[in-house]
Amino acid sequence: MFKKILIANRGEIAVRIIKACRELGINSVAIFSDVDKNALHVRIADEAYLIGPSPANESYLNKEKIISLAQRVGAEAIHPGYGFLSENSEFIKLVEDSGIVFIGPSSKSVEMMGDKTAARKLMKQNNVPIVPGTIEPLSNYLEGIKIANEIGYPIMLKAAAGGGGKGMRKVHNDLEFEDAFVRAQNESLKAFG
């Protein structure tokens, strides 16, 4: 069992993890951006540290700062909560390489499942049932309309990259498809590059 865990998140998920740590007798370390200095997760954690200014890429997404802080305060593990860095294989690998335990899937698992088309291929190769859909990414929306008509509407359109519902759209008919396709692409690019 760990003696100290750094929670690399904020808000309600951080509060829940801190409460679970307390029940297990584990010291909790919260991080916060300047705008979250009075947040509940900061007030109830055993320790709390400013990680940076409010833009997430300078605080809750700053991989190196989070790992450095975890090492400095003697945290044996990092719990990512959900969102932020929880599905970032690069961050998870950095945590693994630092000797700190990442509470969640391995960097290799996240890497394999991060690309939805690669994940579907892997599952199909291993005889894991998958919902009807494509294995290869769509080259354009017209190809998608053809496949959607073969499957039958409504369908769920999902960008290959991303998580947390980003780049995902429910499509009811051919008329909605092009707009949903463009929106899913743009949202995924904006969120995940």
N, C-alpha and C. Protein backbone atom coordinates (compact mmCIF):
# COMPACT_ATOMS: atom_id res chain seq x y z
N MET A 1 0.85 -1.18 0.00
CA MET A 1 0.00 0.00 0.00
C MET A 1 0.90 1.24 0.00
N PHE A 2 0.44 2.25 -0.70
CA PHE A 2 1.19 3.50 -0.77
C PHE A 2 1.00 4.32 0.51
N LYS A 3 2.03 5.12 0.82
CA LYS A 3 1.93 6.04 1.96
C LYS A 3 1.49 7.43 1.50
N LYS A 4 1.84 7.79 0.24
CA LYS A 4 1.51 9.12 -0.26
C LYS A 4 1.25 9.07 -1.76
N ILE A 5 0.13 9.68 -2.16
CA ILE A 5 -0.26 9.72 -3.57
C ILE A 5 -0.49 11.18 -3.99
N LEU A 6 0.06 11.55 -5.14
CA LEU A 6 -0.21 12.86 -5.73
C LEU A 6 -1.39 12.70 -6.69
N ILE A 7 -2.38 13.56 -6.56
CA ILE A 7 -3.53 13.54 -7.44
C ILE A 7 -3.33 14.61 -8.50
N ALA A 8 -3.15 14.17 -9.75
CA ALA A 8 -2.87 15.08 -10.85
C ALA A 8 -4.17 15.51 -11.53
N ASN A 9 -5.04 16.14 -10.76
CA ASN A 9 -6.33 16.57 -11.27
C ASN A 9 -6.92 17.61 -10.32
N ARG A 10 -8.14 18.00 -10.57
CA ARG A 10 -8.79 19.04 -9.79
C ARG A 10 -10.26 18.70 -9.60
N GLY A 11 -10.97 19.51 -8.85
CA GLY A 11 -12.42 19.40 -8.75
C GLY A 11 -12.92 18.13 -8.08
N GLU A 12 -14.11 17.73 -8.49
CA GLU A 12 -14.81 16.62 -7.85
C GLU A 12 -14.04 15.31 -7.90
N ILE A 13 -13.39 15.03 -9.02
CA ILE A 13 -12.64 13.76 -9.10
C ILE A 13 -11.49 13.76 -8.10
N ALA A 14 -10.81 14.89 -7.95
CA ALA A 14 -9.72 14.98 -6.97
C ALA A 14 -10.27 14.82 -5.55
N VAL A 15 -11.42 15.42 -5.28
CA VAL A 15 -12.05 15.29 -3.95
C VAL A 15 -12.34 13.82 -3.65
N ARG A 16 -12.90 13.12 -4.61
CA ARG A 16 -13.23 11.70 -4.40
C ARG A 16 -11.99 10.86 -4.16
N ILE A 17 -10.93 11.13 -4.91
CA ILE A 17 -9.68 10.37 -4.72
C ILE A 17 -9.09 10.68 -3.35
N ILE A 18 -9.11 11.94 -2.95
CA ILE A 18 -8.59 12.33 -1.63
C ILE A 18 -9.36 11.63 -0.52
N LYS A 19 -10.69 11.58 -0.64
CA LYS A 19 -11.51 10.90 0.37
C LYS A 19 -11.19 9.40 0.41
N ALA A 20 -10.99 8.80 -0.75
CA ALA A 20 -10.63 7.37 -0.80
C ALA A 20 -9.27 7.15 -0.15
N CYS A 21 -8.32 8.04 -0.42
CA CYS A 21 -7.00 7.95 0.22
C CYS A 21 -7.14 8.01 1.73
N ARG A 22 -7.94 8.96 2.21
CA ARG A 22 -8.13 9.12 3.65
C ARG A 22 -8.69 7.83 4.27
N GLU A 23 -9.68 7.23 3.62
CA GLU A 23 -10.27 5.97 4.11
C GLU A 23 -9.24 4.85 4.19
N LEU A 24 -8.26 4.89 3.28
CA LEU A 24 -7.23 3.85 3.23
C LEU A 24 -5.99 4.21 4.05
N GLY A 25 -6.00 5.38 4.68
CA GLY A 25 -4.85 5.79 5.48
C GLY A 25 -3.66 6.24 4.64
N ILE A 26 -3.94 6.74 3.45
CA ILE A 26 -2.89 7.21 2.54
C ILE A 26 -2.90 8.73 2.52
N ASN A 27 -1.73 9.34 2.65
CA ASN A 27 -1.62 10.80 2.57
C ASN A 27 -1.86 11.25 1.13
N SER A 28 -2.62 12.33 0.98
CA SER A 28 -2.95 12.84 -0.35
C SER A 28 -2.22 14.16 -0.61
N VAL A 29 -1.78 14.31 -1.85
CA VAL A 29 -1.13 15.53 -2.29
C VAL A 29 -1.95 16.09 -3.44
N ALA A 30 -2.48 17.29 -3.26
CA ALA A 30 -3.25 17.96 -4.32
C ALA A 30 -2.35 18.94 -5.05
N ILE A 31 -2.67 19.14 -6.32
CA ILE A 31 -2.03 20.22 -7.08
C ILE A 31 -3.14 21.20 -7.46
N PHE A 32 -2.75 22.45 -7.69
CA PHE A 32 -3.76 23.44 -8.07
C PHE A 32 -3.13 24.55 -8.88
N SER A 33 -3.96 25.13 -9.76
CA SER A 33 -3.54 26.33 -10.49
C SER A 33 -3.92 27.54 -9.64
N ASP A 34 -3.42 28.69 -10.02
CA ASP A 34 -3.68 29.88 -9.20
C ASP A 34 -5.17 30.17 -9.00
N VAL A 35 -6.01 29.86 -9.98
CA VAL A 35 -7.44 30.14 -9.81
C VAL A 35 -8.15 29.10 -8.92
N ASP A 36 -7.50 27.98 -8.66
CA ASP A 36 -8.10 26.92 -7.83
C ASP A 36 -7.58 26.92 -6.39
N LYS A 37 -6.88 27.98 -5.98
CA LYS A 37 -6.23 27.96 -4.66
C LYS A 37 -7.19 27.76 -3.50
N ASN A 38 -8.47 28.11 -3.66
CA ASN A 38 -9.46 27.93 -2.59
C ASN A 38 -10.42 26.78 -2.86
N ALA A 39 -10.12 25.97 -3.86
CA ALA A 39 -11.01 24.86 -4.22
C ALA A 39 -11.05 23.80 -3.12
N LEU A 40 -12.12 23.04 -3.08
CA LEU A 40 -12.32 22.04 -2.05
C LEU A 40 -11.20 21.00 -2.04
N HIS A 41 -10.76 20.54 -3.21
CA HIS A 41 -9.71 19.52 -3.22
C HIS A 41 -8.42 20.03 -2.58
N VAL A 42 -8.17 21.31 -2.70
CA VAL A 42 -6.98 21.93 -2.09
C VAL A 42 -7.13 21.99 -0.57
N ARG A 43 -8.32 22.32 -0.11
CA ARG A 43 -8.57 22.46 1.32
C ARG A 43 -8.58 21.13 2.07
N ILE A 44 -9.01 20.05 1.43
CA ILE A 44 -9.14 18.79 2.17
C ILE A 44 -7.94 17.85 2.02
N ALA A 45 -7.05 18.14 1.09
CA ALA A 45 -5.87 17.28 0.91
C ALA A 45 -4.91 17.44 2.09
N ASP A 46 -4.11 16.41 2.34
CA ASP A 46 -3.11 16.50 3.40
C ASP A 46 -2.04 17.53 3.05
N GLU A 47 -1.71 17.62 1.76
CA GLU A 47 -0.75 18.61 1.27
C GLU A 47 -1.30 19.16 -0.03
N ALA A 48 -0.99 20.41 -0.35
CA ALA A 48 -1.43 21.01 -1.61
C ALA A 48 -0.36 21.96 -2.11
N TYR A 49 -0.11 21.92 -3.42
CA TYR A 49 0.96 22.72 -4.01
C TYR A 49 0.49 23.41 -5.28
N LEU A 50 0.86 24.68 -5.40
CA LEU A 50 0.60 25.44 -6.62
C LEU A 50 1.44 24.82 -7.73
N ILE A 51 0.79 24.47 -8.83
CA ILE A 51 1.50 23.85 -9.95
C ILE A 51 1.73 24.82 -11.10
N GLY A 52 0.97 25.94 -11.12
CA GLY A 52 1.16 26.92 -12.17
C GLY A 52 -0.06 27.81 -12.36
N PRO A 53 0.00 28.70 -13.36
CA PRO A 53 -1.12 29.60 -13.63
C PRO A 53 -2.32 28.84 -14.23
N SER A 54 -3.43 29.55 -14.40
CA SER A 54 -4.68 28.89 -14.78
C SER A 54 -4.70 28.21 -16.15
N PRO A 55 -3.99 28.64 -17.17
CA PRO A 55 -4.06 27.84 -18.40
C PRO A 55 -3.61 26.40 -18.11
N ALA A 56 -4.44 25.44 -18.48
CA ALA A 56 -4.17 24.03 -18.14
C ALA A 56 -2.82 23.55 -18.63
N ASN A 57 -2.38 24.02 -19.81
CA ASN A 57 -1.08 23.55 -20.32
C ASN A 57 0.08 24.05 -19.47
N GLU A 58 -0.16 25.05 -18.61
CA GLU A 58 0.88 25.54 -17.72
C GLU A 58 0.73 25.00 -16.30
N SER A 59 -0.31 24.21 -16.07
CA SER A 59 -0.54 23.67 -14.72
C SER A 59 -0.90 22.19 -14.78
N TYR A 60 -2.16 21.88 -14.94
CA TYR A 60 -2.63 20.49 -14.86
C TYR A 60 -2.13 19.60 -16.01
N LEU A 61 -1.62 20.20 -17.08
CA LEU A 61 -1.07 19.42 -18.19
C LEU A 61 0.45 19.51 -18.26
N ASN A 62 1.08 20.14 -17.28
CA ASN A 62 2.53 20.30 -17.28
C ASN A 62 3.17 19.03 -16.71
N LYS A 63 3.46 18.09 -17.59
CA LYS A 63 3.95 16.76 -17.21
C LYS A 63 5.18 16.82 -16.31
N GLU A 64 6.17 17.56 -16.76
CA GLU A 64 7.45 17.61 -16.05
C GLU A 64 7.30 18.20 -14.64
N LYS A 65 6.52 19.28 -14.54
CA LYS A 65 6.30 19.92 -13.23
C LYS A 65 5.61 18.96 -12.26
N ILE A 66 4.63 18.24 -12.75
CA ILE A 66 3.87 17.31 -11.90
C ILE A 66 4.77 16.19 -11.39
N ILE A 67 5.55 15.61 -12.29
CA ILE A 67 6.45 14.51 -11.89
C ILE A 67 7.53 15.02 -10.94
N SER A 68 8.08 16.19 -11.24
CA SER A 68 9.11 16.78 -10.38
C SER A 68 8.56 17.03 -8.97
N LEU A 69 7.34 17.55 -8.90
CA LEU A 69 6.72 17.80 -7.60
C LEU A 69 6.49 16.48 -6.85
N ALA A 70 6.00 15.48 -7.55
CA ALA A 70 5.77 14.17 -6.92
C ALA A 70 7.06 13.63 -6.32
N GLN A 71 8.16 13.76 -7.05
CA GLN A 71 9.46 13.30 -6.54
C GLN A 71 9.88 14.12 -5.33
N ARG A 72 9.72 15.44 -5.43
CA ARG A 72 10.15 16.34 -4.36
C ARG A 72 9.41 16.09 -3.05
N VAL A 73 8.11 15.77 -3.13
CA VAL A 73 7.32 15.58 -1.91
C VAL A 73 7.27 14.13 -1.44
N GLY A 74 7.93 13.25 -2.19
CA GLY A 74 7.98 11.84 -1.79
C GLY A 74 6.73 11.04 -2.08
N ALA A 75 5.98 11.44 -3.10
CA ALA A 75 4.80 10.66 -3.49
C ALA A 75 5.27 9.37 -4.17
N GLU A 76 4.69 8.27 -3.77
CA GLU A 76 5.05 6.98 -4.36
C GLU A 76 4.25 6.68 -5.61
N ALA A 77 3.13 7.38 -5.77
CA ALA A 77 2.25 7.13 -6.91
C ALA A 77 1.57 8.42 -7.34
N ILE A 78 1.13 8.42 -8.59
CA ILE A 78 0.35 9.53 -9.14
C ILE A 78 -0.97 8.95 -9.63
N HIS A 79 -2.07 9.55 -9.16
CA HIS A 79 -3.40 9.18 -9.64
C HIS A 79 -3.87 10.30 -10.56
N PRO A 80 -4.19 9.98 -11.83
CA PRO A 80 -4.55 11.03 -12.77
C PRO A 80 -6.01 11.47 -12.73
N GLY A 81 -6.86 10.73 -12.02
CA GLY A 81 -8.29 11.02 -12.12
C GLY A 81 -8.75 10.66 -13.53
N TYR A 82 -9.58 11.51 -14.14
CA TYR A 82 -9.96 11.30 -15.54
C TYR A 82 -9.76 12.61 -16.28
N GLY A 83 -9.67 12.52 -17.60
CA GLY A 83 -9.37 13.70 -18.40
C GLY A 83 -7.91 14.09 -18.21
N PHE A 84 -7.60 15.35 -18.44
CA PHE A 84 -6.23 15.87 -18.35
C PHE A 84 -5.21 14.86 -18.85
N LEU A 85 -4.39 14.29 -17.99
CA LEU A 85 -3.29 13.41 -18.41
C LEU A 85 -3.59 11.92 -18.26
N SER A 86 -4.82 11.58 -17.93
CA SER A 86 -5.15 10.18 -17.64
C SER A 86 -4.97 9.25 -18.82
N GLU A 87 -5.09 9.76 -20.04
CA GLU A 87 -4.94 8.94 -21.23
C GLU A 87 -3.75 9.40 -22.08
N ASN A 88 -2.80 10.06 -21.46
CA ASN A 88 -1.63 10.57 -22.18
C ASN A 88 -0.48 9.59 -22.01
N SER A 89 -0.22 8.79 -23.05
CA SER A 89 0.80 7.74 -22.93
C SER A 89 2.19 8.31 -22.68
N GLU A 90 2.47 9.50 -23.20
CA GLU A 90 3.78 10.14 -22.97
C GLU A 90 3.96 10.45 -21.48
N PHE A 91 2.93 11.02 -20.86
CA PHE A 91 2.99 11.32 -19.42
C PHE A 91 3.14 10.03 -18.62
N ILE A 92 2.35 9.04 -18.95
CA ILE A 92 2.40 7.77 -18.21
C ILE A 92 3.79 7.16 -18.30
N LYS A 93 4.39 7.20 -19.48
CA LYS A 93 5.75 6.66 -19.67
C LYS A 93 6.75 7.45 -18.83
N LEU A 94 6.63 8.77 -18.78
CA LEU A 94 7.52 9.59 -17.96
C LEU A 94 7.38 9.22 -16.48
N VAL A 95 6.14 8.99 -16.04
CA VAL A 95 5.91 8.58 -14.65
C VAL A 95 6.56 7.23 -14.40
N GLU A 96 6.32 6.28 -15.30
CA GLU A 96 6.91 4.94 -15.16
C GLU A 96 8.44 5.02 -15.09
N ASP A 97 9.02 5.82 -15.99
CA ASP A 97 10.49 5.95 -16.04
C ASP A 97 11.06 6.65 -14.80
N SER A 98 10.24 7.46 -14.12
CA SER A 98 10.71 8.18 -12.94
C SER A 98 10.77 7.28 -11.70
N GLY A 99 10.16 6.09 -11.80
CA GLY A 99 10.13 5.19 -10.65
C GLY A 99 8.90 5.38 -9.78
N ILE A 100 8.05 6.31 -10.17
CA ILE A 100 6.79 6.53 -9.46
C ILE A 100 5.74 5.63 -10.11
N VAL A 101 4.82 5.11 -9.32
CA VAL A 101 3.77 4.25 -9.86
C VAL A 101 2.66 5.11 -10.45
N PHE A 102 2.22 4.77 -11.64
CA PHE A 102 1.06 5.42 -12.25
C PHE A 102 -0.16 4.58 -11.93
N ILE A 103 -1.14 5.17 -11.29
CA ILE A 103 -2.36 4.44 -10.94
C ILE A 103 -3.30 4.51 -12.15
N GLY A 104 -3.27 3.45 -12.93
CA GLY A 104 -4.05 3.38 -14.16
C GLY A 104 -3.37 2.43 -15.12
N PRO A 105 -3.80 2.43 -16.37
CA PRO A 105 -3.21 1.52 -17.35
C PRO A 105 -1.78 1.90 -17.69
N SER A 106 -1.03 0.94 -18.19
CA SER A 106 0.36 1.20 -18.59
C SER A 106 0.40 2.11 -19.81
N SER A 107 1.56 2.72 -20.03
CA SER A 107 1.71 3.59 -21.20
C SER A 107 1.49 2.80 -22.48
N LYS A 108 1.92 1.56 -22.50
CA LYS A 108 1.75 0.72 -23.70
C LYS A 108 0.27 0.47 -23.97
N SER A 109 -0.50 0.17 -22.92
CA SER A 109 -1.94 -0.07 -23.09
C SER A 109 -2.64 1.18 -23.61
N VAL A 110 -2.31 2.33 -23.05
CA VAL A 110 -2.94 3.57 -23.48
C VAL A 110 -2.56 3.88 -24.92
N GLU A 111 -1.31 3.64 -25.26
CA GLU A 111 -0.86 3.87 -26.63
C GLU A 111 -1.64 2.99 -27.61
N MET A 112 -1.81 1.72 -27.26
CA MET A 112 -2.53 0.80 -28.14
C MET A 112 -4.00 1.18 -28.28
N MET A 113 -4.61 1.69 -27.23
CA MET A 113 -6.04 2.00 -27.26
C MET A 113 -6.34 3.44 -27.64
N GLY A 114 -5.31 4.30 -27.66
CA GLY A 114 -5.51 5.72 -27.95
C GLY A 114 -5.99 5.99 -29.36
N ASP A 115 -5.48 5.25 -30.32
CA ASP A 115 -5.93 5.37 -31.70
C ASP A 115 -7.07 4.38 -31.88
N LYS A 116 -8.27 4.91 -32.08
CA LYS A 116 -9.46 4.05 -32.09
C LYS A 116 -9.44 3.03 -33.22
N THR A 117 -8.88 3.37 -34.38
CA THR A 117 -8.84 2.38 -35.46
C THR A 117 -7.83 1.28 -35.13
N ALA A 118 -6.69 1.65 -34.56
CA ALA A 118 -5.71 0.63 -34.16
C ALA A 118 -6.29 -0.26 -33.06
N ALA A 119 -7.04 0.34 -32.15
CA ALA A 119 -7.67 -0.43 -31.06
C ALA A 119 -8.68 -1.42 -31.62
N ARG A 120 -9.48 -0.99 -32.59
CA ARG A 120 -10.46 -1.90 -33.21
C ARG A 120 -9.75 -3.04 -33.93
N LYS A 121 -8.66 -2.73 -34.63
CA LYS A 121 -7.89 -3.79 -35.31
C LYS A 121 -7.38 -4.81 -34.30
N LEU A 122 -6.80 -4.31 -33.22
CA LEU A 122 -6.24 -5.18 -32.19
C LEU A 122 -7.33 -6.07 -31.58
N MET A 123 -8.48 -5.49 -31.29
CA MET A 123 -9.57 -6.28 -30.71
C MET A 123 -10.08 -7.32 -31.70
N LYS A 124 -10.22 -6.94 -32.95
CA LYS A 124 -10.70 -7.89 -33.96
C LYS A 124 -9.71 -9.04 -34.13
N GLN A 125 -8.40 -8.74 -34.15
CA GLN A 125 -7.37 -9.77 -34.27
C GLN A 125 -7.41 -10.75 -33.11
N ASN A 126 -7.87 -10.28 -31.96
CA ASN A 126 -7.92 -11.12 -30.76
C ASN A 126 -9.33 -11.64 -30.46
N ASN A 127 -10.19 -11.60 -31.48
CA ASN A 127 -11.55 -12.13 -31.39
C ASN A 127 -12.39 -11.49 -30.28
N VAL A 128 -12.12 -10.23 -29.99
CA VAL A 128 -12.95 -9.49 -29.04
C VAL A 128 -14.11 -8.89 -29.84
N PRO A 129 -15.35 -9.14 -29.42
CA PRO A 129 -16.49 -8.59 -30.18
C PRO A 129 -16.44 -7.06 -30.22
N ILE A 130 -16.72 -6.52 -31.39
CA ILE A 130 -16.78 -5.07 -31.57
C ILE A 130 -18.07 -4.72 -32.29
N VAL A 131 -18.54 -3.51 -32.09
CA VAL A 131 -19.76 -3.07 -32.77
C VAL A 131 -19.45 -2.89 -34.26
N PRO A 132 -20.45 -2.99 -35.12
CA PRO A 132 -20.21 -2.78 -36.55
C PRO A 132 -19.62 -1.40 -36.80
N GLY A 133 -18.71 -1.33 -37.76
CA GLY A 133 -18.07 -0.07 -38.09
C GLY A 133 -16.86 -0.31 -38.95
N THR A 134 -16.02 0.68 -39.05
CA THR A 134 -14.83 0.57 -39.90
C THR A 134 -13.62 0.17 -39.07
N ILE A 135 -12.70 -0.48 -39.74
CA ILE A 135 -11.40 -0.78 -39.12
C ILE A 135 -10.40 0.29 -39.57
N GLU A 136 -10.49 0.68 -40.82
CA GLU A 136 -9.62 1.73 -41.36
C GLU A 136 -10.33 3.08 -41.24
N PRO A 137 -9.57 4.17 -41.08
CA PRO A 137 -10.20 5.49 -41.01
C PRO A 137 -10.93 5.82 -42.32
N LEU A 138 -11.96 6.61 -42.22
CA LEU A 138 -12.69 7.05 -43.41
C LEU A 138 -11.83 8.06 -44.17
N SER A 139 -11.82 7.95 -45.50
CA SER A 139 -11.05 8.91 -46.29
C SER A 139 -11.86 10.19 -46.53
N ASN A 140 -13.20 10.06 -46.53
CA ASN A 140 -14.05 11.23 -46.70
C ASN A 140 -15.46 10.92 -46.22
N TYR A 141 -16.29 11.93 -46.15
CA TYR A 141 -17.64 11.74 -45.60
C TYR A 141 -18.52 10.88 -46.50
N LEU A 142 -18.29 10.89 -47.83
CA LEU A 142 -19.10 10.07 -48.74
C LEU A 142 -18.88 8.58 -48.48
N GLU A 143 -17.66 8.21 -48.20
CA GLU A 143 -17.36 6.82 -47.82
C GLU A 143 -18.11 6.47 -46.53
N GLY A 144 -18.14 7.41 -45.61
CA GLY A 144 -18.85 7.21 -44.34
C GLY A 144 -20.34 7.02 -44.53
N ILE A 145 -20.94 7.80 -45.43
CA ILE A 145 -22.37 7.67 -45.70
C ILE A 145 -22.68 6.29 -46.25
N LYS A 146 -21.83 5.80 -47.15
CA LYS A 146 -22.02 4.46 -47.73
C LYS A 146 -22.01 3.40 -46.63
N ILE A 147 -21.03 3.47 -45.75
CA ILE A 147 -20.90 2.49 -44.67
C ILE A 147 -22.06 2.63 -43.68
N ALA A 148 -22.45 3.86 -43.38
CA ALA A 148 -23.57 4.09 -42.45
C ALA A 148 -24.85 3.47 -42.99
N ASN A 149 -25.05 3.55 -44.29
CA ASN A 149 -26.25 2.95 -44.89
C ASN A 149 -26.19 1.43 -44.85
N GLU A 150 -24.98 0.86 -44.93
CA GLU A 150 -24.83 -0.59 -44.81
C GLU A 150 -25.13 -1.05 -43.38
N ILE A 151 -24.67 -0.27 -42.40
CA ILE A 151 -24.88 -0.62 -40.99
C ILE A 151 -26.32 -0.31 -40.58
N GLY A 152 -26.79 0.85 -40.98
CA GLY A 152 -28.11 1.33 -40.59
C GLY A 152 -28.01 2.43 -39.55
N TYR A 153 -28.76 3.49 -39.75
CA TYR A 153 -28.79 4.62 -38.82
C TYR A 153 -29.65 4.28 -37.61
N PRO A 154 -29.43 4.96 -36.48
CA PRO A 154 -28.38 5.94 -36.21
C PRO A 154 -27.03 5.25 -36.02
N ILE A 155 -25.97 6.01 -36.27
CA ILE A 155 -24.61 5.51 -36.05
C ILE A 155 -23.87 6.50 -35.15
N MET A 156 -22.77 6.03 -34.57
CA MET A 156 -21.90 6.90 -33.79
C MET A 156 -20.64 7.13 -34.62
N LEU A 157 -20.36 8.37 -34.93
CA LEU A 157 -19.18 8.75 -35.70
C LEU A 157 -18.11 9.15 -34.71
N LYS A 158 -16.92 8.55 -34.80
CA LYS A 158 -15.86 8.79 -33.82
C LYS A 158 -14.55 9.03 -34.54
N ALA A 159 -13.87 10.13 -34.19
CA ALA A 159 -12.53 10.40 -34.71
C ALA A 159 -11.57 9.35 -34.16
N ALA A 160 -10.54 9.01 -34.95
CA ALA A 160 -9.59 7.97 -34.53
C ALA A 160 -8.81 8.38 -33.29
N ALA A 161 -8.45 9.66 -33.19
CA ALA A 161 -7.68 10.13 -32.04
C ALA A 161 -8.62 10.72 -31.00
N GLY A 162 -8.14 10.70 -29.77
CA GLY A 162 -8.88 11.39 -28.73
C GLY A 162 -9.61 10.50 -27.77
N GLY A 163 -10.22 11.13 -26.83
CA GLY A 163 -10.97 10.43 -25.80
C GLY A 163 -11.89 11.40 -25.10
N GLY A 164 -12.59 10.90 -24.12
CA GLY A 164 -13.48 11.75 -23.34
C GLY A 164 -14.65 12.31 -24.13
N GLY A 165 -15.02 11.62 -25.22
CA GLY A 165 -16.15 12.08 -26.02
C GLY A 165 -15.79 13.12 -27.06
N LYS A 166 -14.53 13.53 -27.10
CA LYS A 166 -14.11 14.51 -28.11
C LYS A 166 -14.11 13.84 -29.48
N GLY A 167 -14.61 14.55 -30.48
CA GLY A 167 -14.63 14.02 -31.84
C GLY A 167 -15.66 12.93 -32.04
N MET A 168 -16.71 12.92 -31.23
CA MET A 168 -17.75 11.89 -31.35
C MET A 168 -19.10 12.55 -31.63
N ARG A 169 -19.83 11.99 -32.60
CA ARG A 169 -21.13 12.54 -32.96
C ARG A 169 -22.11 11.41 -33.27
N LYS A 170 -23.35 11.56 -32.79
CA LYS A 170 -24.43 10.65 -33.16
C LYS A 170 -25.03 11.20 -34.46
N VAL A 171 -25.18 10.33 -35.45
CA VAL A 171 -25.69 10.73 -36.75
C VAL A 171 -26.94 9.91 -37.06
N HIS A 172 -28.02 10.60 -37.42
CA HIS A 172 -29.31 9.94 -37.65
C HIS A 172 -29.61 9.64 -39.11
N ASN A 173 -28.97 10.38 -40.05
CA ASN A 173 -29.28 10.19 -41.47
C ASN A 173 -28.18 10.78 -42.34
N ASP A 174 -28.31 10.53 -43.65
CA ASP A 174 -27.32 11.01 -44.62
C ASP A 174 -27.15 12.53 -44.57
N LEU A 175 -28.25 13.25 -44.36
CA LEU A 175 -28.20 14.71 -44.37
C LEU A 175 -27.34 15.27 -43.24
N GLU A 176 -27.28 14.58 -42.12
CA GLU A 176 -26.48 15.03 -40.97
C GLU A 176 -25.02 14.63 -41.09
N PHE A 177 -24.71 13.67 -41.96
CA PHE A 177 -23.39 13.04 -41.92
C PHE A 177 -22.24 13.99 -42.22
N GLU A 178 -22.33 14.77 -43.32
CA GLU A 178 -21.21 15.63 -43.69
C GLU A 178 -20.86 16.61 -42.57
N ASP A 179 -21.87 17.28 -42.03
CA ASP A 179 -21.63 18.24 -40.95
C ASP A 179 -21.01 17.55 -39.73
N ALA A 180 -21.54 16.39 -39.37
CA ALA A 180 -21.01 15.64 -38.21
C ALA A 180 -19.57 15.21 -38.46
N PHE A 181 -19.28 14.80 -39.68
CA PHE A 181 -17.93 14.36 -40.06
C PHE A 181 -16.94 15.52 -39.89
N VAL A 182 -17.28 16.67 -40.43
CA VAL A 182 -16.40 17.85 -40.36
C VAL A 182 -16.24 18.30 -38.90
N ARG A 183 -17.33 18.34 -38.15
CA ARG A 183 -17.26 18.75 -36.74
C ARG A 183 -16.42 17.79 -35.91
N ALA A 184 -16.59 16.49 -36.13
CA ALA A 184 -15.81 15.50 -35.38
C ALA A 184 -14.32 15.65 -35.68
N GLN A 185 -13.99 15.83 -36.96
CA GLN A 185 -12.59 16.04 -37.35
C GLN A 185 -12.01 17.28 -36.68
N ASN A 186 -12.72 18.39 -36.79
CA ASN A 186 -12.23 19.66 -36.24
C ASN A 186 -12.08 19.61 -34.72
N GLU A 187 -13.06 19.01 -34.05
CA GLU A 187 -13.01 18.92 -32.59
C GLU A 187 -11.83 18.06 -32.15
N SER A 188 -11.59 16.96 -32.84
CA SER A 188 -10.48 16.08 -32.51
C SER A 188 -9.14 16.78 -32.75
N LEU A 189 -9.03 17.47 -33.88
CA LEU A 189 -7.79 18.21 -34.17
C LEU A 189 -7.53 19.28 -33.13
N LYS A 190 -8.57 20.01 -32.76
CA LYS A 190 -8.43 21.08 -31.78
C LYS A 190 -8.02 20.54 -30.40
N ALA A 191 -8.61 19.41 -30.01
CA ALA A 191 -8.34 18.86 -28.68
C ALA A 191 -7.06 18.05 -28.61
N PHE A 192 -6.72 17.34 -29.68
CA PHE A 192 -5.62 16.37 -29.60
C PHE A 192 -4.51 16.58 -30.63
N GLY A 193 -4.67 17.54 -31.52
CA GLY A 193 -3.63 17.84 -32.50
C GLY A 193 -3.61 16.93 -33.70
